[in-house]
Amino acid sequence: MVFKIIVIILFIANIVALGVALRALLTNQTDGSGKTVKYLTLRVILAVALLVFVGVGLLTGQLGASAPWLSY
C-alpha cells in the first residue's frame, strides 16, 4: 500500500513540476535566470524516481499488473 501511495504522489508531483515549468517558460521569456531548466530538471528527477519505485514495486511484488490481457 505504501508503494502505491508513493507512486501516486510522485506522479502528481511530476505533473505539477511540468505545469510550473510551462508557467515559468511562458512568463519569463526574456529572463535569463534559467528557471525553466531548473523545473524541467526537477521533473526528470521525479520521473526517474517514479520509474525506480515502480520497478522496485514490481520486482518485490508490492505492485502488480492486473490487466485482462496479461492473464495467462
N, C-alpha and C. Protein backbone atom coordinates (compact mmCIF):
# COMPACT_ATOMS: atom_id res chain seq x y z
N MET A 1 0.82 -1.19 0.00
CA MET A 1 0.00 0.00 0.00
C MET A 1 0.86 1.26 0.00
N VAL A 2 2.00 1.18 0.67
CA VAL A 2 2.90 2.34 0.74
C VAL A 2 3.46 2.66 -0.64
N PHE A 3 3.79 1.61 -1.39
CA PHE A 3 4.33 1.83 -2.73
C PHE A 3 3.31 2.52 -3.62
N LYS A 4 2.04 2.15 -3.51
CA LYS A 4 1.01 2.76 -4.33
C LYS A 4 0.86 4.24 -4.00
N ILE A 5 0.92 4.58 -2.73
CA ILE A 5 0.81 5.98 -2.32
C ILE A 5 2.00 6.79 -2.81
N ILE A 6 3.20 6.21 -2.70
CA ILE A 6 4.40 6.91 -3.17
C ILE A 6 4.35 7.10 -4.68
N VAL A 7 3.88 6.11 -5.42
CA VAL A 7 3.78 6.22 -6.88
C VAL A 7 2.78 7.31 -7.25
N ILE A 8 1.65 7.36 -6.57
CA ILE A 8 0.65 8.39 -6.85
C ILE A 8 1.20 9.78 -6.55
N ILE A 9 1.89 9.93 -5.42
CA ILE A 9 2.47 11.22 -5.05
C ILE A 9 3.52 11.65 -6.07
N LEU A 10 4.38 10.73 -6.49
CA LEU A 10 5.41 11.06 -7.48
C LEU A 10 4.79 11.42 -8.83
N PHE A 11 3.72 10.73 -9.21
CA PHE A 11 3.06 11.04 -10.47
C PHE A 11 2.44 12.44 -10.44
N ILE A 12 1.76 12.76 -9.36
CA ILE A 12 1.16 14.09 -9.23
C ILE A 12 2.23 15.17 -9.17
N ALA A 13 3.32 14.92 -8.45
CA ALA A 13 4.42 15.88 -8.37
C ALA A 13 5.05 16.09 -9.74
N ASN A 14 5.12 15.04 -10.53
CA ASN A 14 5.67 15.14 -11.88
C ASN A 14 4.80 16.04 -12.75
N ILE A 15 3.49 15.88 -12.67
CA ILE A 15 2.57 16.71 -13.44
C ILE A 15 2.65 18.17 -12.98
N VAL A 16 2.71 18.38 -11.66
CA VAL A 16 2.82 19.74 -11.13
C VAL A 16 4.12 20.40 -11.57
N ALA A 17 5.22 19.67 -11.53
CA ALA A 17 6.50 20.23 -11.96
C ALA A 17 6.47 20.59 -13.44
N LEU A 18 5.79 19.80 -14.24
CA LEU A 18 5.67 20.11 -15.66
C LEU A 18 4.85 21.39 -15.86
N GLY A 19 3.79 21.55 -15.10
CA GLY A 19 2.98 22.77 -15.18
C GLY A 19 3.74 24.00 -14.72
N VAL A 20 4.51 23.87 -13.66
CA VAL A 20 5.30 25.00 -13.16
C VAL A 20 6.37 25.39 -14.18
N ALA A 21 6.97 24.41 -14.83
CA ALA A 21 7.97 24.70 -15.85
C ALA A 21 7.34 25.41 -17.04
N LEU A 22 6.14 25.00 -17.42
CA LEU A 22 5.43 25.67 -18.51
C LEU A 22 5.11 27.11 -18.13
N ARG A 23 4.67 27.31 -16.91
CA ARG A 23 4.36 28.67 -16.45
C ARG A 23 5.62 29.54 -16.44
N ALA A 24 6.74 28.97 -15.98
CA ALA A 24 7.99 29.72 -15.98
C ALA A 24 8.45 30.04 -17.39
N LEU A 25 8.20 29.13 -18.31
CA LEU A 25 8.58 29.36 -19.70
C LEU A 25 7.75 30.48 -20.32
N LEU A 26 6.46 30.49 -20.03
CA LEU A 26 5.58 31.47 -20.64
C LEU A 26 5.69 32.86 -20.01
N THR A 27 5.98 32.94 -18.72
CA THR A 27 6.01 34.24 -18.05
C THR A 27 7.38 34.90 -18.08
N ASN A 28 8.44 34.13 -18.12
CA ASN A 28 9.80 34.69 -18.05
C ASN A 28 10.56 34.40 -19.33
N GLN A 29 10.03 34.81 -20.45
CA GLN A 29 10.68 34.51 -21.72
C GLN A 29 11.96 35.33 -21.92
N THR A 30 12.02 36.53 -21.36
CA THR A 30 13.21 37.35 -21.55
C THR A 30 14.18 37.24 -20.38
N ASP A 31 13.75 36.59 -19.30
CA ASP A 31 14.60 36.46 -18.12
C ASP A 31 15.63 35.35 -18.37
N GLY A 32 16.86 35.62 -18.05
CA GLY A 32 17.92 34.65 -18.28
C GLY A 32 18.28 33.86 -17.04
N SER A 33 17.36 33.70 -16.09
CA SER A 33 17.69 33.05 -14.84
C SER A 33 17.72 31.53 -14.95
N GLY A 34 17.11 30.95 -15.97
CA GLY A 34 17.13 29.50 -16.14
C GLY A 34 16.14 28.76 -15.27
N LYS A 35 15.05 29.41 -14.89
CA LYS A 35 14.06 28.74 -14.04
C LYS A 35 13.43 27.55 -14.75
N THR A 36 13.21 27.70 -16.04
CA THR A 36 12.58 26.60 -16.79
C THR A 36 13.47 25.37 -16.77
N VAL A 37 14.75 25.56 -16.93
CA VAL A 37 15.68 24.43 -16.91
C VAL A 37 15.70 23.77 -15.55
N LYS A 38 15.66 24.57 -14.49
CA LYS A 38 15.65 24.01 -13.13
C LYS A 38 14.39 23.18 -12.89
N TYR A 39 13.24 23.68 -13.33
CA TYR A 39 11.99 22.95 -13.12
C TYR A 39 11.93 21.69 -13.98
N LEU A 40 12.45 21.75 -15.19
CA LEU A 40 12.46 20.55 -16.02
C LEU A 40 13.46 19.52 -15.51
N THR A 41 14.56 19.98 -14.91
CA THR A 41 15.50 19.06 -14.26
C THR A 41 14.83 18.37 -13.09
N LEU A 42 14.06 19.13 -12.31
CA LEU A 42 13.31 18.54 -11.20
C LEU A 42 12.32 17.50 -11.73
N ARG A 43 11.69 17.79 -12.86
CA ARG A 43 10.73 16.85 -13.45
C ARG A 43 11.42 15.56 -13.87
N VAL A 44 12.61 15.67 -14.45
CA VAL A 44 13.35 14.47 -14.86
C VAL A 44 13.72 13.64 -13.64
N ILE A 45 14.14 14.29 -12.57
CA ILE A 45 14.48 13.58 -11.34
C ILE A 45 13.26 12.87 -10.77
N LEU A 46 12.12 13.54 -10.78
CA LEU A 46 10.89 12.92 -10.30
C LEU A 46 10.48 11.74 -11.18
N ALA A 47 10.66 11.86 -12.49
CA ALA A 47 10.32 10.78 -13.40
C ALA A 47 11.21 9.56 -13.17
N VAL A 48 12.49 9.79 -12.95
CA VAL A 48 13.41 8.69 -12.67
C VAL A 48 13.04 8.02 -11.34
N ALA A 49 12.71 8.83 -10.34
CA ALA A 49 12.29 8.27 -9.05
C ALA A 49 11.01 7.45 -9.20
N LEU A 50 10.08 7.93 -10.03
CA LEU A 50 8.85 7.19 -10.28
C LEU A 50 9.14 5.85 -10.94
N LEU A 51 10.01 5.85 -11.94
CA LEU A 51 10.36 4.60 -12.61
C LEU A 51 11.05 3.63 -11.65
N VAL A 52 11.91 4.14 -10.79
CA VAL A 52 12.60 3.28 -9.83
C VAL A 52 11.59 2.67 -8.86
N PHE A 53 10.66 3.48 -8.34
CA PHE A 53 9.69 2.95 -7.40
C PHE A 53 8.76 1.93 -8.05
N VAL A 54 8.35 2.17 -9.28
CA VAL A 54 7.51 1.20 -9.98
C VAL A 54 8.30 -0.09 -10.23
N GLY A 55 9.54 0.03 -10.65
CA GLY A 55 10.36 -1.15 -10.88
C GLY A 55 10.59 -1.97 -9.62
N VAL A 56 10.92 -1.29 -8.53
CA VAL A 56 11.13 -1.99 -7.25
C VAL A 56 9.82 -2.61 -6.77
N GLY A 57 8.73 -1.90 -6.94
CA GLY A 57 7.44 -2.44 -6.53
C GLY A 57 7.04 -3.67 -7.33
N LEU A 58 7.32 -3.67 -8.62
CA LEU A 58 7.01 -4.84 -9.44
C LEU A 58 7.92 -6.02 -9.10
N LEU A 59 9.19 -5.74 -8.85
CA LEU A 59 10.12 -6.83 -8.53
C LEU A 59 9.86 -7.44 -7.17
N THR A 60 9.45 -6.64 -6.20
CA THR A 60 9.20 -7.16 -4.86
C THR A 60 7.79 -7.69 -4.68
N GLY A 61 6.91 -7.44 -5.63
CA GLY A 61 5.55 -7.93 -5.53
C GLY A 61 4.60 -6.96 -4.84
N GLN A 62 5.07 -5.79 -4.47
CA GLN A 62 4.21 -4.79 -3.85
C GLN A 62 3.22 -4.20 -4.85
N LEU A 63 3.63 -4.13 -6.11
CA LEU A 63 2.78 -3.67 -7.20
C LEU A 63 2.62 -4.82 -8.19
N GLY A 64 1.49 -4.85 -8.84
CA GLY A 64 1.27 -5.91 -9.82
C GLY A 64 0.42 -5.42 -10.97
N ALA A 65 0.53 -6.13 -12.07
CA ALA A 65 -0.27 -5.80 -13.24
C ALA A 65 -1.52 -6.67 -13.21
N SER A 66 -2.67 -6.03 -13.34
CA SER A 66 -3.92 -6.80 -13.33
C SER A 66 -4.73 -6.54 -14.60
N ALA A 67 -4.06 -6.27 -15.68
CA ALA A 67 -4.74 -6.04 -16.96
C ALA A 67 -5.28 -7.39 -17.47
N PRO A 68 -6.47 -7.37 -18.06
CA PRO A 68 -7.04 -8.64 -18.52
C PRO A 68 -6.24 -9.32 -19.62
N TRP A 69 -5.50 -8.57 -20.41
CA TRP A 69 -4.73 -9.19 -21.49
C TRP A 69 -3.42 -9.80 -20.98
N LEU A 70 -3.11 -9.61 -19.68
CA LEU A 70 -1.91 -10.21 -19.13
C LEU A 70 -2.18 -11.53 -18.41
N SER A 71 -3.41 -11.97 -18.36
CA SER A 71 -3.72 -13.24 -17.69
C SER A 71 -3.36 -14.40 -18.63
N TYR A 72 -2.60 -15.30 -18.13
CA TYR A 72 -2.13 -16.41 -18.95
C TYR A 72 -2.94 -17.64 -18.67
